Protein backbone atom coordinates (compact mmCIF):
# COMPACT_ATOMS: atom_id res chain seq x y z
CA MET A 1 11.43 -37.95 34.66
CA ILE A 2 8.56 -36.21 33.24
CA ARG A 3 7.06 -32.90 33.69
CA THR A 4 3.72 -32.41 32.95
CA LEU A 5 3.26 -29.13 31.33
CA LEU A 6 1.80 -25.96 32.98
CA LEU A 7 -0.42 -24.93 30.75
CA SER A 8 0.11 -21.07 31.34
CA ALA A 9 2.42 -18.19 29.76
CA ALA A 10 3.35 -17.29 33.53
CA ALA A 11 5.28 -20.54 34.14
CA LEU A 12 8.06 -19.81 31.21
CA VAL A 13 8.93 -16.67 32.01
CA ALA A 14 11.86 -17.77 33.99
CA LEU A 15 12.89 -20.72 32.14
CA PRO A 16 16.76 -20.56 31.02
CA ALA A 17 17.33 -19.29 27.41
CA ALA A 18 19.96 -22.14 26.98
CA ALA A 19 19.02 -24.66 24.62
CA GLN A 20 17.38 -27.44 26.21
CA ASP A 21 17.45 -31.46 25.40
CA ILE A 22 14.15 -32.27 25.89
CA ALA A 23 11.48 -34.98 24.41
CA ILE A 24 7.30 -33.91 24.52
CA ILE A 25 5.89 -36.72 24.78
CA ASN A 26 2.17 -38.06 24.53
CA ALA A 27 1.34 -35.07 21.85
CA LYS A 28 -1.30 -34.87 18.87
CA LEU A 29 1.81 -34.48 16.74
CA VAL A 30 2.10 -32.43 13.48
CA ILE A 31 5.20 -32.47 11.39
CA GLY A 32 4.20 -29.92 9.27
CA ASP A 33 5.01 -31.49 5.65
CA GLY A 34 1.37 -32.00 4.86
CA SER A 35 0.78 -34.92 6.87
CA ALA A 36 -2.19 -35.85 9.40
CA PRO A 37 -1.31 -35.04 13.09
CA ILE A 38 -0.11 -38.16 14.87
CA GLU A 39 -1.93 -39.06 18.14
CA GLY A 40 0.39 -39.56 21.09
CA GLY A 41 3.24 -39.07 19.07
CA THR A 42 6.91 -37.47 20.37
CA VAL A 43 9.08 -35.07 19.65
CA ILE A 44 13.09 -35.12 20.34
CA VAL A 45 14.85 -32.03 20.18
CA ARG A 46 19.10 -32.35 21.07
CA GLY A 47 21.53 -29.45 20.50
CA GLY A 48 18.81 -26.87 18.99
CA LYS A 49 18.00 -29.33 16.37
CA VAL A 50 15.02 -32.18 15.87
CA VAL A 51 16.77 -35.58 16.28
CA ALA A 52 13.16 -37.94 15.91
CA ALA A 53 9.49 -37.15 16.12
CA GLY A 54 6.53 -39.72 15.18
CA ARG A 55 4.96 -41.98 17.17
CA GLY A 56 6.68 -44.68 19.02
CA VAL A 57 9.67 -42.62 19.47
CA ALA A 58 12.30 -44.27 22.03
CA VAL A 59 13.13 -41.48 24.51
CA PRO A 60 16.53 -41.45 26.08
CA SER A 61 16.56 -41.95 29.77
CA SER A 62 19.30 -38.85 30.10
CA ILE A 63 17.00 -35.87 28.81
CA GLU A 64 13.93 -34.51 30.35
CA SER A 65 10.29 -35.13 29.03
CA ILE A 66 7.37 -33.23 28.89
CA ASP A 67 4.22 -34.55 28.92
CA ALA A 68 1.81 -32.46 26.48
CA GLN A 69 -1.23 -34.60 27.67
CA GLY A 70 -2.64 -34.90 24.55
CA HIS A 71 -2.48 -30.74 23.01
CA TYR A 72 -1.32 -30.16 19.88
CA VAL A 73 2.49 -29.56 19.62
CA THR A 74 3.25 -28.39 16.11
CA PRO A 75 6.65 -26.55 14.52
CA GLY A 76 6.82 -22.96 14.84
CA ILE A 77 5.17 -20.96 12.13
CA VAL A 78 6.75 -19.23 9.38
CA ALA A 79 5.29 -15.88 8.21
CA ALA A 80 5.60 -16.39 4.77
CA PHE A 81 5.89 -12.49 3.93
CA SER A 82 6.02 -9.79 6.64
CA ARG A 83 8.43 -6.49 7.42
CA VAL A 84 8.80 -7.66 11.37
CA GLY A 85 11.74 -6.38 12.95
CA LEU A 86 11.87 -3.33 10.44
CA VAL A 87 8.53 -1.35 11.84
CA GLU A 88 8.18 -0.30 15.70
CA VAL A 89 5.70 1.95 15.33
CA ASP A 90 4.04 2.70 11.25
CA ALA A 91 3.57 6.66 11.74
CA VAL A 92 7.01 7.12 13.10
CA ALA A 93 9.29 7.64 10.76
CA GLY A 94 12.43 7.45 13.30
CA SER A 95 11.21 3.26 13.84
CA ASN A 96 10.11 2.59 10.33
CA ASP A 97 12.84 1.16 8.15
CA ARG A 98 10.38 -0.56 5.65
CA SER A 99 11.19 1.24 2.56
CA ALA A 100 13.80 3.10 1.25
CA ALA A 101 12.37 5.63 -1.16
CA ARG A 102 15.31 8.41 -1.32
CA SER A 103 17.94 6.31 -1.53
CA ARG A 104 20.19 5.79 -5.18
CA PHE A 105 20.03 2.50 -4.61
CA SER A 106 17.82 -0.23 -5.08
CA ALA A 107 18.66 -4.34 -5.24
CA GLY A 108 21.49 -3.71 -3.18
CA LEU A 109 19.68 -2.81 -0.12
CA ASP A 110 20.33 -5.65 2.26
CA ILE A 111 17.48 -5.54 5.19
CA ALA A 112 19.42 -7.16 7.79
CA PRO A 113 21.10 -4.15 9.61
CA ALA A 114 18.02 -2.51 10.02
CA LEU A 115 16.07 -5.64 11.67
CA ASN A 116 15.33 -4.42 15.53
CA PRO A 117 15.10 -8.14 17.48
CA MET A 118 14.10 -6.05 20.68
CA GLY A 119 10.87 -4.41 18.84
CA SER A 120 7.77 -4.95 20.45
CA PRO A 121 6.40 -7.05 17.53
CA VAL A 122 8.77 -9.55 17.59
CA ALA A 123 7.45 -10.76 20.98
CA VAL A 124 4.16 -10.36 20.19
CA ASN A 125 4.05 -12.26 16.92
CA ARG A 126 6.38 -15.18 18.92
CA ALA A 127 3.61 -15.20 21.63
CA ALA A 128 1.20 -16.04 18.77
CA GLY A 129 3.44 -19.08 18.03
CA VAL A 130 5.64 -17.49 14.92
CA THR A 131 9.12 -18.68 15.23
CA ARG A 132 10.67 -17.85 11.75
CA ALA A 133 9.82 -14.82 9.37
CA ILE A 134 10.31 -14.06 5.56
CA VAL A 135 11.14 -10.59 5.65
CA ALA A 136 11.17 -8.45 2.52
CA PRO A 137 11.68 -4.73 1.91
CA GLY A 138 8.85 -2.37 1.30
CA ALA A 139 10.32 -0.49 -1.56
CA SER A 140 13.30 1.82 -2.97
CA SER A 141 13.21 4.73 -5.41
CA ASN A 142 13.42 2.20 -8.29
CA LEU A 143 12.09 -0.89 -9.28
CA PHE A 144 13.96 -3.49 -7.16
CA ALA A 145 12.86 -2.97 -3.15
CA GLY A 146 16.26 -4.84 -2.29
CA GLN A 147 17.35 -7.51 -0.07
CA GLY A 148 15.07 -9.80 2.58
CA ALA A 149 16.20 -12.05 5.27
CA VAL A 150 14.86 -14.96 7.08
CA VAL A 151 14.78 -14.06 10.65
CA ASP A 152 14.12 -15.94 14.17
CA LEU A 153 11.93 -14.14 16.96
CA ALA A 154 13.61 -15.55 19.72
CA ASP A 155 14.33 -13.17 23.05
CA ASP A 156 17.85 -12.51 22.07
CA MET A 157 19.63 -9.98 19.78
CA ASP A 158 20.67 -12.62 17.04
CA MET A 159 17.97 -12.25 14.83
CA VAL A 160 19.45 -13.62 11.33
CA THR A 161 18.82 -16.87 10.45
CA LYS A 162 20.00 -16.35 6.52
CA PRO A 163 20.80 -12.78 5.31
CA ARG A 164 20.13 -11.86 1.66
CA ALA A 165 18.12 -14.50 1.42
CA LEU A 166 15.50 -12.93 -1.30
CA GLN A 167 15.29 -10.22 -3.72
CA PHE A 168 12.02 -8.35 -3.94
CA VAL A 169 10.26 -6.68 -6.63
CA ALA A 170 6.70 -5.23 -7.72
CA PHE A 171 4.85 -5.53 -11.14
CA GLY A 172 1.53 -4.34 -11.53
CA GLU A 173 0.01 -0.89 -10.61
CA ALA A 174 3.13 -0.64 -8.00
CA GLY A 175 5.94 -1.44 -10.47
CA ALA A 176 3.98 0.83 -13.22
CA ALA A 177 4.48 3.73 -10.55
CA LYS A 178 8.16 3.16 -10.35
CA ALA A 179 8.83 2.66 -13.81
CA GLY A 180 7.35 5.88 -15.14
CA GLY A 181 3.54 4.84 -15.40
CA SER A 182 2.90 1.86 -17.55
CA ARG A 183 3.63 -1.88 -17.15
CA ALA A 184 5.48 -1.43 -20.62
CA ALA A 185 8.14 0.41 -18.57
CA THR A 186 8.29 -1.79 -15.66
CA PHE A 187 9.22 -4.83 -17.83
CA LEU A 188 11.80 -2.63 -20.06
CA LEU A 189 13.38 -1.34 -16.95
CA PHE A 190 13.13 -5.19 -15.08
CA ARG A 191 15.20 -6.15 -18.53
CA GLU A 192 17.38 -3.81 -18.79
CA GLN A 193 18.42 -3.92 -14.95
CA LEU A 194 18.99 -7.63 -15.45
CA LEU A 195 21.17 -6.94 -18.97
CA ALA A 196 23.49 -4.18 -16.93
CA ALA A 197 23.74 -6.61 -14.26
CA ARG A 198 24.76 -9.49 -16.34
CA SER A 199 27.47 -7.38 -18.28
CA TYR A 200 29.00 -6.58 -14.72
CA ALA A 201 29.49 -10.00 -14.20
CA ARG A 202 31.14 -10.34 -17.35
CA ASN A 203 33.27 -7.40 -16.90
CA PRO A 204 33.39 -5.40 -13.63
CA ALA A 205 34.89 -2.29 -15.17
CA THR A 206 31.89 -1.87 -17.00
CA LEU A 207 30.49 0.17 -14.01
CA ALA A 208 33.47 1.57 -13.03
CA GLU A 209 32.72 5.23 -13.91
CA TRP A 210 28.98 5.23 -13.34
CA GLY A 211 27.86 7.75 -11.44
CA ASN A 212 24.39 8.58 -9.25
CA ASP A 213 22.21 9.09 -11.92
CA ALA A 214 23.67 5.34 -13.61
CA MET A 215 20.30 3.07 -14.05
CA ILE A 216 22.14 0.51 -12.11
CA GLN A 217 24.45 1.47 -9.11
CA ARG A 218 27.33 -1.24 -8.67
CA ALA A 219 26.01 -2.51 -5.24
CA ASP A 220 22.57 -3.14 -7.21
CA ALA A 221 24.39 -5.31 -9.97
CA GLU A 222 26.12 -7.53 -7.40
CA ALA A 223 22.73 -8.17 -5.89
CA LEU A 224 21.11 -9.18 -9.40
CA VAL A 225 23.94 -11.32 -10.85
CA ARG A 226 22.44 -13.83 -7.46
CA VAL A 227 19.13 -13.24 -9.15
CA ILE A 228 20.14 -14.24 -12.58
CA ASN A 229 22.19 -17.32 -11.71
CA GLY A 230 19.40 -18.16 -8.93
CA THR A 231 21.58 -18.18 -6.16
CA THR A 232 18.62 -15.73 -4.67
CA PRO A 233 15.27 -16.21 -5.21
CA LEU A 234 13.29 -13.54 -6.80
CA PHE A 235 9.77 -13.00 -4.80
CA VAL A 236 7.66 -10.83 -7.27
CA ARG A 237 4.24 -9.28 -5.98
CA VAL A 238 2.24 -9.44 -9.14
CA ASP A 239 -1.83 -9.69 -8.93
CA ARG A 240 -3.31 -9.60 -12.27
CA ALA A 241 -3.55 -12.55 -14.36
CA ALA A 242 -2.06 -10.82 -17.49
CA ASP A 243 0.99 -9.83 -15.43
CA ILE A 244 1.42 -13.12 -13.84
CA LEU A 245 1.61 -14.69 -17.19
CA ASN A 246 4.44 -12.45 -18.46
CA VAL A 247 6.14 -12.43 -15.34
CA LEU A 248 6.05 -16.25 -15.92
CA LYS A 249 7.84 -15.76 -19.26
CA LEU A 250 11.18 -13.88 -17.62
CA LYS A 251 11.48 -17.33 -16.16
CA GLY A 252 11.88 -18.58 -19.95
CA GLU A 253 14.25 -15.94 -20.50
CA LEU A 254 16.47 -16.68 -17.69
CA PRO A 255 15.98 -20.57 -16.84
CA ALA A 256 18.40 -20.03 -13.92
CA LEU A 257 15.52 -17.54 -11.88
CA LYS A 258 13.86 -18.61 -9.30
CA LEU A 259 10.61 -17.16 -9.10
CA VAL A 260 8.27 -16.67 -6.42
CA LEU A 261 4.61 -14.96 -6.80
CA VAL A 262 3.40 -12.72 -4.08
CA GLY A 263 -0.05 -11.70 -4.16
CA ALA A 264 -1.68 -13.84 -7.16
CA THR A 265 -4.95 -12.80 -6.47
CA GLU A 266 -5.69 -14.03 -9.94
CA GLY A 267 -3.90 -16.85 -9.68
CA TRP A 268 -6.58 -19.17 -9.83
CA LEU A 269 -7.56 -18.26 -13.79
CA VAL A 270 -4.00 -19.09 -14.61
CA ALA A 271 -3.08 -21.72 -12.24
CA ARG A 272 -2.81 -24.24 -15.13
CA GLU A 273 0.54 -21.78 -16.26
CA ILE A 274 1.91 -21.56 -13.09
CA ALA A 275 2.18 -25.17 -12.54
CA ALA A 276 3.65 -25.61 -15.62
CA ALA A 277 6.19 -23.43 -14.43
CA LYS A 278 6.78 -25.01 -11.24
CA VAL A 279 6.67 -21.53 -9.21
CA PRO A 280 5.25 -21.25 -5.37
CA VAL A 281 2.70 -18.75 -4.75
CA ILE A 282 2.58 -16.76 -1.52
CA VAL A 283 -1.25 -15.69 -0.86
CA SER A 284 -3.08 -13.74 1.49
CA PRO A 285 -6.63 -15.43 1.31
CA LEU A 286 -8.91 -12.77 2.79
CA SER A 287 -7.82 -10.64 -0.51
CA ASP A 288 -11.37 -11.56 -1.62
CA LEU A 289 -12.71 -7.99 -2.74
CA PRO A 290 -11.96 -6.19 -6.43
CA ASP A 291 -10.27 -2.91 -4.60
CA SER A 292 -8.36 -2.14 -7.69
CA PHE A 293 -8.33 -3.13 -11.57
CA GLU A 294 -5.46 -5.60 -11.00
CA ARG A 295 -7.40 -7.66 -8.62
CA LEU A 296 -11.06 -7.65 -10.23
CA GLY A 297 -10.75 -11.44 -10.23
CA ALA A 298 -10.54 -11.58 -6.62
CA THR A 299 -11.82 -14.73 -4.46
CA GLN A 300 -11.21 -16.58 -1.05
CA SER A 301 -10.99 -19.32 -3.42
CA ASN A 302 -8.04 -18.35 -4.84
CA ALA A 303 -5.74 -20.57 -2.16
CA GLY A 304 -7.82 -23.76 -2.87
CA ARG A 305 -7.92 -23.35 -6.75
CA LEU A 306 -4.36 -23.44 -6.84
CA GLU A 307 -3.35 -25.95 -4.53
CA ALA A 308 -6.01 -28.22 -6.79
CA ALA A 309 -3.72 -27.06 -9.69
CA GLY A 310 -0.71 -28.73 -8.03
CA ILE A 311 0.82 -25.51 -7.25
CA ASP A 312 3.19 -25.01 -3.85
CA VAL A 313 1.07 -22.32 -1.81
CA SER A 314 1.92 -20.73 1.31
CA VAL A 315 -0.22 -18.48 3.26
CA GLY A 316 0.93 -14.80 4.63
CA VAL A 317 -0.34 -11.73 5.93
CA PHE A 318 1.14 -9.21 3.73
CA ASP A 319 -1.47 -5.98 3.21
CA ASP A 320 -2.80 -6.93 6.60
CA ASP A 321 -0.21 -4.96 9.01
CA ASP A 322 2.62 -7.33 8.13
CA ALA A 323 5.01 -5.95 10.92
CA HIS A 324 2.70 -6.32 13.90
CA LYS A 325 0.16 -9.08 13.18
CA MET A 326 1.44 -12.28 12.12
CA GLY A 327 -0.29 -14.31 13.98
CA TYR A 328 -3.38 -13.73 11.91
CA THR A 329 -1.61 -16.56 9.75
CA THR A 330 -3.38 -19.16 11.55
CA GLN A 331 -6.60 -17.40 11.63
CA TYR A 332 -6.09 -17.22 7.78
CA ALA A 333 -5.08 -20.70 7.53
CA GLY A 334 -8.32 -21.60 9.29
CA ASN A 335 -10.10 -19.77 7.48
CA LEU A 336 -9.63 -21.84 4.00
CA VAL A 337 -10.29 -25.03 6.43
CA GLY A 338 -13.73 -23.60 6.97
CA LEU A 339 -13.91 -22.13 3.34
CA SER A 340 -13.42 -25.79 1.90
CA LYS A 341 -16.64 -27.13 3.46
CA LEU A 342 -18.69 -24.60 1.66
CA PRO A 343 -20.38 -25.84 -1.15
CA GLY A 344 -19.02 -24.35 -4.38
CA ALA A 345 -16.06 -22.93 -2.92
CA SER A 346 -12.48 -24.17 -2.93
CA GLY A 347 -10.47 -24.44 0.32
CA LEU A 348 -7.61 -26.46 1.75
CA SER A 349 -7.69 -29.22 4.09
CA TRP A 350 -6.52 -29.21 7.94
CA ASP A 351 -3.23 -31.17 7.12
CA GLN A 352 -2.70 -28.75 3.77
CA ALA A 353 -3.30 -25.35 5.58
CA PHE A 354 -0.99 -26.20 8.44
CA ALA A 355 1.84 -26.87 5.83
CA ALA A 356 1.18 -23.71 4.32
CA ILE A 357 1.95 -21.75 7.14
CA THR A 358 4.91 -23.84 7.92
CA SER A 359 6.87 -26.24 5.65
CA ALA A 360 5.24 -24.36 2.65
CA PRO A 361 7.15 -20.81 2.99
CA ALA A 362 10.33 -22.72 4.09
CA ARG A 363 10.22 -24.45 0.79
CA ALA A 364 9.74 -20.84 -1.19
CA VAL A 365 13.15 -19.41 0.41
CA GLY A 366 14.81 -22.50 0.12
CA MET A 367 15.39 -23.55 3.37
CA GLU A 368 13.04 -26.26 3.62
CA GLY A 369 15.54 -28.62 4.94
CA SER A 370 16.66 -25.89 8.08
CA ILE A 371 13.22 -25.01 8.93
CA GLY A 372 9.48 -25.39 8.94
CA SER A 373 9.02 -28.94 9.96
CA LEU A 374 9.60 -31.31 12.88
CA LYS A 375 11.34 -33.86 10.36
CA PRO A 376 14.85 -34.95 11.46
CA GLY A 377 17.86 -32.01 11.11
CA ARG A 378 15.27 -29.03 11.43
CA ALA A 379 15.85 -26.03 14.01
CA GLY A 380 14.02 -26.84 17.30
CA ASP A 381 11.08 -24.50 16.54
CA VAL A 382 8.07 -26.35 18.92
CA VAL A 383 5.02 -25.03 19.78
CA ILE A 384 2.72 -26.86 22.53
CA TRP A 385 -0.93 -24.98 21.90
CA ASP A 386 -4.02 -25.41 24.25
CA HIS A 387 -6.06 -26.57 21.44
CA ASP A 388 -6.44 -26.66 17.52
CA PRO A 389 -3.96 -23.85 16.39
CA LEU A 390 -6.10 -23.40 13.39
CA GLU A 391 -8.89 -22.16 15.38
CA LEU A 392 -9.19 -18.23 16.20
CA GLY A 393 -9.35 -19.06 20.18
CA SER A 394 -6.31 -20.90 20.53
CA ARG A 395 -2.86 -19.73 22.04
CA PRO A 396 0.35 -21.52 22.32
CA THR A 397 0.98 -22.54 26.09
CA ALA A 398 5.07 -23.07 25.52
CA ILE A 399 7.16 -22.16 22.83
CA TRP A 400 11.33 -23.32 21.91
CA ILE A 401 13.03 -21.75 19.02
CA ASP A 402 16.47 -23.53 18.53
CA GLY A 403 15.66 -25.60 21.27
CA LYS A 404 15.61 -22.77 23.22
CA SER A 405 12.40 -21.80 25.63
CA GLN A 406 10.82 -18.66 24.97
CA SER A 407 9.06 -16.52 27.21
CA LEU A 408 5.34 -15.58 26.19
CA VAL A 409 4.95 -12.40 27.78
CA THR A 410 4.84 -9.31 25.87
CA ARG A 411 4.76 -5.47 26.57
CA GLN A 412 1.21 -5.21 26.06
CA ASP A 413 0.92 -7.91 28.89
CA ARG A 414 2.90 -5.49 31.05
CA LEU A 415 0.87 -2.95 30.47
CA ARG A 416 -2.39 -4.30 31.12
CA ASP A 417 -0.73 -5.97 34.11
CA ARG A 418 0.67 -2.18 35.21
CA TYR A 419 -3.06 -0.85 34.57
CA ARG A 420 -5.19 -3.45 35.65
CA THR A 421 -6.11 -2.27 39.31
CA PRO A 422 -5.13 1.19 39.46
CA GLU A 423 -4.88 2.86 42.43
CA GLU A 424 -3.97 6.72 44.11
CA GLY A 425 -0.33 7.57 44.44
CA ALA A 426 2.78 6.51 42.47
CA LEU A 427 2.39 4.01 39.32
CA PRO A 428 3.99 0.65 39.26
CA LYS A 429 7.08 0.07 37.38
CA ALA A 430 6.36 -0.64 33.76
CA TYR A 431 9.02 -3.09 33.74
CA ASP A 432 11.39 -5.45 35.45
CA ARG A 433 14.64 -4.23 33.48
């Protein structure tokens, strides 16, 4: 049985939330691994997982087929660095769990219990094609910000895909402010806290009597031990070229350290060194203005030059409303495609750009075997688009997360419909539930 897809959000509202065994056929199929789109492709999802994707894939007669009518079919977007689920309204403290600036804990902070799967930004970003997100804490009272998570954006209460998936720390100007006012203090505090964690790992009794004014708390030490032994990737916010080189030296001191550079605005100036260290980078392509002394070398060509140097590049939306507007990711990636056509500029090919918002972020957090592409065994996160997903005006027409069909209706849609044709008398109900 073949069902022709209705290209409208309203058609999906009433679909069941149970996982579906489906085959999407006649697709312009994007695997998400950097390979070119496949015309006339098919992807099959069973039990919430991709089991086959490509051209000439045989479709079992026992499962439903959906005709994509030649439209783009892709893996869901993986937001490389975000705060979705932590923030509802930025200016309202009660709805903002981004930072814990007054906590005595730092590295041990775990954002998972603070995540709100029912927050309106979740639905807004899902409707833009984002199915997974790497969520990092904002800041703590100390140098280390805490442990982030990988989440899904499905319409249910089980948001966390992987808790404690990363540790986040800021160097540069932000790190200096936390450490006492200078970059020298930042690196000293970083090393001292890791040494304290290493001592704790060797002899937990060393922290038995430490109080609130200690350099590191027990929960922080336990979290940093996982960073030292390479179990937890360390996402480092750093922009200045000189700072990047000093961060890379840390990998020499701690060989098991799994570094991921976030920001790296001047990364292109030290691309050879980053490539030699085999450290992935998450960039925000529109960070192209010298708005601080640590970003004097800002350029839109940063991502393209890093990719050309052999660095694994992901594209994120940090510094630009990273809780509500992760859907900008596709626009940012599309801008890099356009940039590649300008004389003297460096951008990405379409295939590279799409991989930078799907499989590359998954690799950065060590989950490339589970999410980020339509290779067999990956999560059944599939999106059908009305047009080229890297074009500004394109929108998803259908989304599945873990093989479950998702609604594309948001709170904003309901408010629009409520007030579109106002009449005298009682206002219509804003919600159905």
